[in-house]
Amino acid sequence: MSSPKVLFGFHAVGVRLKTKPKSVIEIYYEPTRRDARMRQFLEKATEAGVRLIEGDSDRIAKLCGSHGHQGVAARVEPLPQQNSLDDLLDSISGPPLLLVLDGVTDPHNLGACLRVADGAGAHAVIAPKDHAAGINATVAKVASGAAETVPYFMVTNLARTLGELKERNIWCIGTSDDTPKTIYQVDLKVPVALVLGAEGDGMRQLTRRTCDELVGIPMQGAVSSLNVSVASGVCLYEALRQRTVV
């Protein structure tokens, strides 16, 4: 059996408490915090029958490796591994919407991307095993629960995976700041994988060449690019907009 993992922050722990309460082993909380948010959180934990343990801020920080815990941390059982990417794609009804991240190593950026992906209804996030952030407590905290709900697949060879998506007739659209075509000029109602690179370096050349086409996000101000999580939001919500327009 896998070792327990740690979640921290109201959103991350709250989502697990709501969706899989029996997987929560125990919750540590800071008793000196007595505001309404903490009271409501503890009421839900008590209703779920979860063991509650008092702990000061330093003890909770030591448990989760961060002082950004908001006074709440939990030891939880790992959820079962997601099915393979192929199994997931086989189970999707309607056109898939995927987010592919190439070279995103910052856990805060990954967490924010997962949160955006959840909000826009993306079916999965895909990243290479090398040069990419994995799911950890910081990612889960920033994702505000989305790390528990959005399948995250780390693949050995990203270019090969993109090729396999193309064999499934999933259109692979990469983002770039040196192309005249914009995200608003492509059809995102079809099966699509939106491919974004890390801020600064962007996509690797092989990833770029593997994409079916490249599009940009119009920039009207002084800055030349957006943070990858913001860019993910722009692209994913444009896909959502197109798919929900009556």
Protein backbone atom coordinates (compact mmCIF):
# COMPACT_ATOMS: atom_id res chain seq x y z
CA MET A 1 0.00 0.00 0.00
CA SER A 2 1.27 3.51 -0.85
CA SER A 3 2.35 5.81 1.96
CA PRO A 4 -0.05 8.57 3.02
CA LYS A 5 0.42 11.97 1.37
CA VAL A 6 -0.09 15.44 2.78
CA LEU A 7 -2.51 18.09 1.53
CA PHE A 8 -2.66 21.59 2.97
CA GLY A 9 -4.76 24.72 2.63
CA PHE A 10 -8.54 25.04 2.87
CA HIS A 11 -9.26 24.39 -0.81
CA ALA A 12 -7.07 21.32 -1.27
CA VAL A 13 -8.13 19.64 1.97
CA GLY A 14 -11.73 20.76 1.55
CA VAL A 15 -12.11 19.21 -1.89
CA ARG A 16 -10.72 15.87 -0.68
CA LEU A 17 -13.01 16.06 2.36
CA LYS A 18 -15.97 16.66 0.07
CA THR A 19 -15.18 14.11 -2.64
CA LYS A 20 -13.38 11.30 -0.78
CA PRO A 21 -13.90 11.80 2.97
CA LYS A 22 -13.02 8.20 3.85
CA SER A 23 -9.55 8.71 2.38
CA VAL A 24 -8.75 11.47 4.91
CA ILE A 25 -6.79 9.89 7.76
CA GLU A 26 -6.50 12.92 10.02
CA ILE A 27 -6.56 16.69 9.89
CA TYR A 28 -4.20 19.00 11.75
CA TYR A 29 -5.51 22.48 12.48
CA GLU A 30 -4.35 25.60 14.23
CA PRO A 31 -6.67 26.12 17.26
CA THR A 32 -5.77 29.80 17.62
CA ARG A 33 -7.51 30.49 14.31
CA ARG A 34 -11.17 30.89 15.22
CA ASP A 35 -12.64 32.75 12.25
CA ALA A 36 -15.80 31.67 10.41
CA ARG A 37 -13.88 29.88 7.68
CA MET A 38 -12.08 27.66 10.17
CA ARG A 39 -15.25 26.99 12.15
CA GLN A 40 -17.13 25.92 9.02
CA PHE A 41 -14.24 23.75 7.92
CA LEU A 42 -14.03 21.98 11.27
CA GLU A 43 -17.78 21.41 11.29
CA LYS A 44 -17.55 19.63 7.92
CA ALA A 45 -14.59 17.57 9.11
CA THR A 46 -16.48 16.58 12.27
CA GLU A 47 -19.56 15.63 10.25
CA ALA A 48 -17.36 13.41 8.08
CA GLY A 49 -15.99 11.70 11.18
CA VAL A 50 -12.38 12.67 10.50
CA ARG A 51 -9.90 12.71 13.37
CA LEU A 52 -8.91 16.28 14.27
CA ILE A 53 -5.53 17.11 15.83
CA GLU A 54 -4.53 20.50 17.20
CA GLY A 55 -1.16 21.82 16.12
CA ASP A 56 0.60 25.15 16.13
CA SER A 57 1.67 26.87 12.91
CA ASP A 58 5.25 25.59 13.04
CA ARG A 59 4.18 21.98 13.54
CA ILE A 60 1.79 22.17 10.60
CA ALA A 61 4.45 23.86 8.46
CA LYS A 62 6.89 21.06 9.29
CA LEU A 63 4.30 18.47 8.30
CA CYS A 64 3.54 19.98 4.92
CA GLY A 65 6.83 21.73 4.16
CA SER A 66 5.26 25.14 3.74
CA HIS A 67 4.17 28.08 5.85
CA GLY A 68 1.31 28.77 3.41
CA HIS A 69 -0.92 26.15 4.99
CA GLN A 70 -3.63 28.56 6.25
CA GLY A 71 -3.71 26.62 9.53
CA VAL A 72 -4.92 23.38 7.94
CA ALA A 73 -3.16 20.21 6.76
CA ALA A 74 -4.28 16.62 6.30
CA ARG A 75 -2.71 13.21 5.95
CA VAL A 76 -4.65 11.34 3.27
CA GLU A 77 -4.54 8.03 1.48
CA PRO A 78 -3.35 8.36 -2.13
CA LEU A 79 -6.18 8.02 -4.60
CA PRO A 80 -6.00 5.14 -7.09
CA GLN A 81 -3.88 5.88 -10.12
CA GLN A 82 -5.73 7.28 -13.09
CA ASN A 83 -6.36 5.01 -16.03
CA SER A 84 -3.93 5.29 -18.92
CA LEU A 85 -4.28 8.20 -21.32
CA ASP A 86 -5.63 5.79 -23.93
CA ASP A 87 -8.28 4.52 -21.53
CA LEU A 88 -9.27 8.07 -20.66
CA LEU A 89 -9.58 9.08 -24.31
CA ASP A 90 -11.66 6.00 -25.03
CA SER A 91 -14.09 7.00 -22.26
CA ILE A 92 -14.69 10.58 -23.43
CA SER A 93 -18.00 11.33 -25.09
CA GLY A 94 -17.76 14.34 -27.36
CA PRO A 95 -14.63 16.09 -28.61
CA PRO A 96 -11.66 15.85 -26.20
CA LEU A 97 -10.11 19.01 -24.81
CA LEU A 98 -6.57 18.47 -23.55
CA LEU A 99 -3.91 20.77 -22.14
CA VAL A 100 -0.29 19.84 -22.89
CA LEU A 101 2.49 21.54 -20.92
CA ASP A 102 6.05 21.38 -22.23
CA GLY A 103 8.76 22.29 -19.73
CA VAL A 104 6.61 23.71 -16.93
CA THR A 105 8.75 23.00 -13.87
CA ASP A 106 7.38 25.51 -11.35
CA PRO A 107 4.86 23.82 -9.02
CA HIS A 108 2.94 27.08 -8.59
CA ASN A 109 2.47 27.36 -12.35
CA LEU A 110 1.42 23.72 -12.62
CA GLY A 111 -1.08 24.12 -9.79
CA ALA A 112 -2.57 27.19 -11.45
CA CYS A 113 -2.77 25.37 -14.81
CA LEU A 114 -4.61 22.46 -13.19
CA ARG A 115 -7.06 24.87 -11.58
CA VAL A 116 -7.74 26.54 -14.93
CA ALA A 117 -8.07 23.15 -16.65
CA ASP A 118 -10.66 22.06 -14.11
CA GLY A 119 -12.62 25.29 -14.47
CA ALA A 120 -12.70 25.10 -18.27
CA GLY A 121 -13.64 21.42 -18.32
CA ALA A 122 -10.43 20.06 -19.86
CA HIS A 123 -10.35 16.28 -19.82
CA ALA A 124 -6.67 15.95 -18.87
CA VAL A 125 -3.32 17.69 -18.57
CA ILE A 126 -0.29 16.04 -20.17
CA ALA A 127 3.40 16.75 -19.51
CA PRO A 128 6.76 15.05 -20.13
CA LYS A 129 8.33 13.09 -17.28
CA ASP A 130 11.56 15.04 -17.70
CA HIS A 131 11.74 18.82 -17.24
CA ALA A 132 8.28 19.04 -15.68
CA ALA A 133 6.79 19.45 -12.23
CA GLY A 134 5.08 16.49 -10.62
CA ILE A 135 2.14 16.63 -8.26
CA ASN A 136 3.22 17.57 -4.75
CA ALA A 137 1.68 19.34 -1.77
CA THR A 138 2.46 22.79 -3.17
CA VAL A 139 0.84 21.95 -6.52
CA ALA A 140 -2.22 20.58 -4.73
CA LYS A 141 -2.52 23.70 -2.58
CA VAL A 142 -2.24 26.12 -5.52
CA ALA A 143 -4.61 23.98 -7.60
CA SER A 144 -7.29 24.47 -4.92
CA GLY A 145 -8.52 20.90 -5.27
CA ALA A 146 -8.08 20.55 -9.03
CA ALA A 147 -5.08 18.24 -8.55
CA GLU A 148 -7.66 15.79 -7.19
CA THR A 149 -10.07 16.14 -10.11
CA VAL A 150 -8.04 16.69 -13.30
CA PRO A 151 -6.14 13.67 -14.64
CA TYR A 152 -2.44 14.51 -14.97
CA PHE A 153 -0.39 12.25 -17.21
CA MET A 154 3.41 12.42 -17.33
CA VAL A 155 4.63 10.73 -20.50
CA THR A 156 8.07 9.45 -21.47
CA ASN A 157 8.17 11.00 -24.95
CA LEU A 158 5.97 14.05 -25.46
CA ALA A 159 6.46 14.28 -29.23
CA ARG A 160 5.47 10.64 -29.63
CA THR A 161 2.40 11.19 -27.44
CA LEU A 162 1.39 14.14 -29.61
CA GLY A 163 1.78 11.89 -32.64
CA GLU A 164 -0.52 9.33 -31.02
CA LEU A 165 -3.08 12.05 -30.32
CA LYS A 166 -2.93 13.08 -33.97
CA GLU A 167 -3.60 9.46 -34.97
CA ARG A 168 -6.81 9.79 -32.95
CA ASN A 169 -7.70 12.88 -35.03
CA ILE A 170 -6.99 15.22 -32.13
CA TRP A 171 -5.72 18.51 -33.56
CA CYS A 172 -2.53 19.62 -31.78
CA ILE A 173 -2.35 23.41 -31.55
CA GLY A 174 0.81 24.97 -30.19
CA THR A 175 1.12 28.51 -28.88
CA SER A 176 3.84 30.84 -30.08
CA ASP A 177 4.52 34.57 -30.06
CA ASP A 178 5.90 34.62 -33.60
CA THR A 179 2.87 33.59 -35.65
CA PRO A 180 0.25 35.94 -37.12
CA LYS A 181 -2.66 33.55 -36.54
CA THR A 182 -4.38 33.93 -33.18
CA ILE A 183 -6.19 31.53 -30.87
CA TYR A 184 -9.43 33.28 -31.85
CA GLN A 185 -9.03 32.29 -35.51
CA VAL A 186 -9.00 28.51 -35.09
CA ASP A 187 -11.83 26.03 -34.63
CA LEU A 188 -11.62 24.68 -31.08
CA LYS A 189 -14.89 22.77 -31.24
CA VAL A 190 -13.07 19.82 -32.80
CA PRO A 191 -11.00 17.35 -30.73
CA VAL A 192 -8.04 19.46 -29.69
CA ALA A 193 -4.87 19.44 -27.59
CA LEU A 194 -3.60 22.90 -26.68
CA VAL A 195 0.19 22.83 -26.30
CA LEU A 196 1.94 25.48 -24.20
CA GLY A 197 5.58 25.86 -23.27
CA ALA A 198 7.21 27.31 -20.20
CA GLU A 199 7.35 31.07 -19.90
CA GLY A 200 10.56 32.32 -21.45
CA ASP A 201 11.84 29.24 -23.30
CA GLY A 202 8.49 28.24 -24.75
CA MET A 203 8.02 24.86 -26.37
CA ARG A 204 11.00 22.75 -27.32
CA GLN A 205 11.71 22.66 -31.06
CA LEU A 206 10.65 19.02 -31.48
CA THR A 207 7.36 19.72 -29.71
CA ARG A 208 6.84 22.79 -31.89
CA ARG A 209 7.48 20.84 -35.10
CA THR A 210 5.09 18.09 -34.02
CA CYS A 211 2.13 20.46 -33.61
CA ASP A 212 -0.39 20.66 -36.46
CA GLU A 213 -0.41 24.46 -36.31
CA LEU A 214 0.77 27.37 -34.20
CA VAL A 215 -1.29 30.24 -32.88
CA GLY A 216 -0.62 33.28 -30.74
CA ILE A 217 -2.41 35.29 -28.07
CA PRO A 218 -2.77 38.96 -29.10
CA MET A 219 -0.67 41.23 -26.87
CA GLN A 220 -1.62 44.93 -26.87
CA GLY A 221 0.62 46.28 -24.10
CA ALA A 222 4.30 46.52 -23.30
CA VAL A 223 4.83 42.93 -22.14
CA SER A 224 5.55 40.32 -24.81
CA SER A 225 4.10 37.20 -23.17
CA LEU A 226 1.83 35.86 -20.46
CA ASN A 227 2.49 33.52 -17.58
CA VAL A 228 1.79 29.94 -18.74
CA SER A 229 -1.18 29.53 -16.39
CA VAL A 230 -2.75 32.77 -17.66
CA ALA A 231 -2.11 31.72 -21.27
CA SER A 232 -3.67 28.33 -20.50
CA GLY A 233 -6.73 30.12 -19.18
CA VAL A 234 -7.06 32.27 -22.29
CA CYS A 235 -6.80 29.26 -24.61
CA LEU A 236 -8.96 26.83 -22.65
CA TYR A 237 -11.73 29.34 -22.05
CA GLU A 238 -11.77 30.28 -25.72
CA ALA A 239 -12.33 26.58 -26.44
CA LEU A 240 -15.08 26.51 -23.82
CA ARG A 241 -16.66 29.64 -25.29
CA GLN A 242 -16.72 28.16 -28.78
CA ARG A 243 -18.16 24.89 -27.53
CA THR A 244 -20.95 26.51 -25.54
CA VAL A 245 -22.07 29.22 -27.98
CA VAL A 246 -25.64 28.45 -29.07
